[in-house]
Amino acid sequence: MNIQIFGTKKCFDTKKAERWFKERRIKYQMIDMKEKGMSRGELTSVAQAVGGMDRLINENTKDKDALALLRYLSDSDREEKLLENPQLIVTPVVRNGKKATIGFAPDVWEMWE
């Protein structure tokens, strides 16, 4: 398994995901989205795995202006805006090759083992 966890240090679900993989002694790579973010290829791959770009959008974000703007953008512009503002993406994003989940999803991760 090649696990990558995209999240933030202050996100409780990201911390729970890290703990879940640590408890099972599964190696993972943690990527802080505030520092590095996702590449265009990673974002596209994750969007395909979870069912579209709309599923990645965090409806509970503090940046309500950017969230409102996202609703009126085309798909390509929406992708660009998500790359510019990674705080609009639901965390954690956990990748295992072409497979991916958003949020805390231990039931799916168990199937990856």
C-alpha atoms as a PDB file:
ATOM      1  CA  MET A   1       0.000   0.000   0.000  1.00  0.00           C
ATOM      2  CA  ASN A   2       1.126   3.515  -0.787  1.00  0.00           C
ATOM      3  CA  ILE A   3      -0.977   5.687   1.523  1.00  0.00           C
ATOM      4  CA  GLN A   4      -0.995   9.475   1.322  1.00  0.00           C
ATOM      5  CA  ILE A   5      -3.002  11.586   3.764  1.00  0.00           C
ATOM      6  CA  PHE A   6      -3.767  15.143   2.678  1.00  0.00           C
ATOM      7  CA  GLY A   7      -4.999  17.233   5.586  1.00  0.00           C
ATOM      8  CA  THR A   8      -4.177  19.938   8.076  1.00  0.00           C
ATOM      9  CA  LYS A   9      -2.593  19.792  11.495  1.00  0.00           C
ATOM     10  CA  LYS A  10      -5.677  21.276  13.183  1.00  0.00           C
ATOM     11  CA  CYS A  11      -8.231  18.962  11.536  1.00  0.00           C
ATOM     12  CA  PHE A  12      -9.565  16.377  14.003  1.00  0.00           C
ATOM     13  CA  ASP A  13     -10.547  13.918  11.245  1.00  0.00           C
ATOM     14  CA  THR A  14      -7.018  14.118   9.828  1.00  0.00           C
ATOM     15  CA  LYS A  15      -5.605  13.320  13.281  1.00  0.00           C
ATOM     16  CA  LYS A  16      -8.024  10.381  13.596  1.00  0.00           C
ATOM     17  CA  ALA A  17      -6.950   9.086  10.168  1.00  0.00           C
ATOM     18  CA  GLU A  18      -3.271   9.302  11.125  1.00  0.00           C
ATOM     19  CA  ARG A  19      -3.973   7.482  14.393  1.00  0.00           C
ATOM     20  CA  TRP A  20      -5.955   4.777  12.540  1.00  0.00           C
ATOM     21  CA  PHE A  21      -3.011   4.005  10.229  1.00  0.00           C
ATOM     22  CA  LYS A  22      -0.442   4.215  13.071  1.00  0.00           C
ATOM     23  CA  GLU A  23      -2.417   1.724  15.192  1.00  0.00           C
ATOM     24  CA  ARG A  24      -2.327  -0.762  12.324  1.00  0.00           C
ATOM     25  CA  ARG A  25       1.375  -0.094  11.617  1.00  0.00           C
ATOM     26  CA  ILE A  26       0.604   0.999   8.062  1.00  0.00           C
ATOM     27  CA  LYS A  27       3.150   3.426   6.670  1.00  0.00           C
ATOM     28  CA  TYR A  28       1.733   6.622   5.243  1.00  0.00           C
ATOM     29  CA  GLN A  29       2.871   9.986   3.967  1.00  0.00           C
ATOM     30  CA  MET A  30       1.273  13.058   5.555  1.00  0.00           C
ATOM     31  CA  ILE A  31       0.927  16.132   3.340  1.00  0.00           C
ATOM     32  CA  ASP A  32      -0.130  19.367   5.035  1.00  0.00           C
ATOM     33  CA  MET A  33      -2.490  21.100   2.609  1.00  0.00           C
ATOM     34  CA  LYS A  34      -1.764  24.514   4.105  1.00  0.00           C
ATOM     35  CA  GLU A  35       1.921  24.159   3.262  1.00  0.00           C
ATOM     36  CA  LYS A  36       1.981  22.130   0.057  1.00  0.00           C
ATOM     37  CA  GLY A  37      -1.525  21.397  -1.224  1.00  0.00           C
ATOM     38  CA  MET A  38      -2.365  18.997  -4.043  1.00  0.00           C
ATOM     39  CA  SER A  39      -1.098  18.947  -7.592  1.00  0.00           C
ATOM     40  CA  ARG A  40      -3.546  19.170 -10.491  1.00  0.00           C
ATOM     41  CA  GLY A  41      -3.029  15.463 -11.260  1.00  0.00           C
ATOM     42  CA  GLU A  42      -3.637  14.434  -7.649  1.00  0.00           C
ATOM     43  CA  LEU A  43      -6.795  16.539  -7.447  1.00  0.00           C
ATOM     44  CA  THR A  44      -8.141  15.096 -10.709  1.00  0.00           C
ATOM     45  CA  SER A  45      -7.335  11.533  -9.626  1.00  0.00           C
ATOM     46  CA  VAL A  46      -9.035  11.998  -6.253  1.00  0.00           C
ATOM     47  CA  ALA A  47     -12.085  13.642  -7.843  1.00  0.00           C
ATOM     48  CA  GLN A  48     -12.491  10.667 -10.201  1.00  0.00           C
ATOM     49  CA  ALA A  49     -12.138   8.203  -7.315  1.00  0.00           C
ATOM     50  CA  VAL A  50     -14.713   9.886  -5.049  1.00  0.00           C
ATOM     51  CA  GLY A  51     -17.316  10.690  -7.683  1.00  0.00           C
ATOM     52  CA  GLY A  52     -16.595  14.177  -8.961  1.00  0.00           C
ATOM     53  CA  MET A  53     -15.200  17.552  -8.031  1.00  0.00           C
ATOM     54  CA  ASP A  54     -18.393  18.560  -6.181  1.00  0.00           C
ATOM     55  CA  ARG A  55     -17.845  15.835  -3.556  1.00  0.00           C
ATOM     56  CA  LEU A  56     -14.501  17.420  -2.601  1.00  0.00           C
ATOM     57  CA  ILE A  57     -16.004  20.771  -1.633  1.00  0.00           C
ATOM     58  CA  ASN A  58     -16.202  21.426   2.102  1.00  0.00           C
ATOM     59  CA  GLU A  59     -19.625  22.993   2.712  1.00  0.00           C
ATOM     60  CA  ASN A  60     -18.599  23.873   6.304  1.00  0.00           C
ATOM     61  CA  THR A  61     -15.603  26.011   5.387  1.00  0.00           C
ATOM     62  CA  LYS A  62     -15.065  29.361   7.058  1.00  0.00           C
ATOM     63  CA  ASP A  63     -14.456  31.035   3.694  1.00  0.00           C
ATOM     64  CA  LYS A  64     -18.118  31.465   2.713  1.00  0.00           C
ATOM     65  CA  ASP A  65     -17.301  33.924  -0.099  1.00  0.00           C
ATOM     66  CA  ALA A  66     -15.094  31.421  -1.921  1.00  0.00           C
ATOM     67  CA  LEU A  67     -17.682  28.697  -1.330  1.00  0.00           C
ATOM     68  CA  ALA A  68     -20.406  30.841  -2.894  1.00  0.00           C
ATOM     69  CA  LEU A  69     -18.150  31.590  -5.860  1.00  0.00           C
ATOM     70  CA  LEU A  70     -17.479  27.880  -6.441  1.00  0.00           C
ATOM     71  CA  ARG A  71     -21.168  27.203  -7.028  1.00  0.00           C
ATOM     72  CA  TYR A  72     -21.224  29.451 -10.095  1.00  0.00           C
ATOM     73  CA  LEU A  73     -17.960  28.366 -11.728  1.00  0.00           C
ATOM     74  CA  SER A  74     -17.521  25.881 -14.575  1.00  0.00           C
ATOM     75  CA  ASP A  75     -15.812  22.570 -13.770  1.00  0.00           C
ATOM     76  CA  SER A  76     -12.388  23.657 -15.040  1.00  0.00           C
ATOM     77  CA  ASP A  77     -12.590  26.964 -13.144  1.00  0.00           C
ATOM     78  CA  ARG A  78     -13.782  25.108 -10.034  1.00  0.00           C
ATOM     79  CA  GLU A  79     -10.730  22.854 -10.213  1.00  0.00           C
ATOM     80  CA  GLU A  80      -8.459  25.898 -10.501  1.00  0.00           C
ATOM     81  CA  LYS A  81     -10.139  27.554  -7.497  1.00  0.00           C
ATOM     82  CA  LEU A  82      -9.739  24.379  -5.397  1.00  0.00           C
ATOM     83  CA  LEU A  83      -6.032  24.272  -6.266  1.00  0.00           C
ATOM     84  CA  GLU A  84      -5.653  27.919  -5.204  1.00  0.00           C
ATOM     85  CA  ASN A  85      -7.698  27.453  -1.995  1.00  0.00           C
ATOM     86  CA  PRO A  86      -7.034  23.994  -0.506  1.00  0.00           C
ATOM     87  CA  GLN A  87      -9.023  24.977   2.613  1.00  0.00           C
ATOM     88  CA  LEU A  88     -12.151  24.434   0.481  1.00  0.00           C
ATOM     89  CA  ILE A  89     -11.423  20.693   0.189  1.00  0.00           C
ATOM     90  CA  VAL A  90     -12.865  18.203   2.686  1.00  0.00           C
ATOM     91  CA  THR A  91     -10.095  16.737   4.831  1.00  0.00           C
ATOM     92  CA  PRO A  92      -8.588  14.264   5.169  1.00  0.00           C
ATOM     93  CA  VAL A  93      -8.143  13.078   1.616  1.00  0.00           C
ATOM     94  CA  VAL A  94      -6.602   9.602   1.824  1.00  0.00           C
ATOM     95  CA  ARG A  95      -5.099   8.101  -1.343  1.00  0.00           C
ATOM     96  CA  ASN A  96      -3.972   4.587  -2.066  1.00  0.00           C
ATOM     97  CA  GLY A  97      -2.840   4.604  -5.691  1.00  0.00           C
ATOM     98  CA  LYS A  98      -5.928   5.276  -7.814  1.00  0.00           C
ATOM     99  CA  LYS A  99      -8.285   4.737  -4.858  1.00  0.00           C
ATOM    100  CA  ALA A 100      -9.203   7.629  -2.583  1.00  0.00           C
ATOM    101  CA  THR A 101     -11.550   8.661   0.206  1.00  0.00           C
ATOM    102  CA  ILE A 102     -12.581  11.981   1.686  1.00  0.00           C
ATOM    103  CA  GLY A 103     -13.264  12.440   5.362  1.00  0.00           C
ATOM    104  CA  PHE A 104     -12.763   9.776   8.024  1.00  0.00           C
ATOM    105  CA  ALA A 105     -13.597   6.453   6.312  1.00  0.00           C
ATOM    106  CA  PRO A 106     -12.035   3.506   8.213  1.00  0.00           C
ATOM    107  CA  ASP A 107     -14.509   1.005   6.722  1.00  0.00           C
ATOM    108  CA  VAL A 108     -13.111   1.711   3.231  1.00  0.00           C
ATOM    109  CA  TRP A 109      -9.496   1.705   4.446  1.00  0.00           C
ATOM    110  CA  GLU A 110      -9.954  -1.757   5.942  1.00  0.00           C
ATOM    111  CA  MET A 111     -10.846  -3.096   2.495  1.00  0.00           C
ATOM    112  CA  TRP A 112      -7.520  -1.734   1.201  1.00  0.00           C
ATOM    113  CA  GLU A 113      -5.523  -3.943   3.583  1.00  0.00           C
END
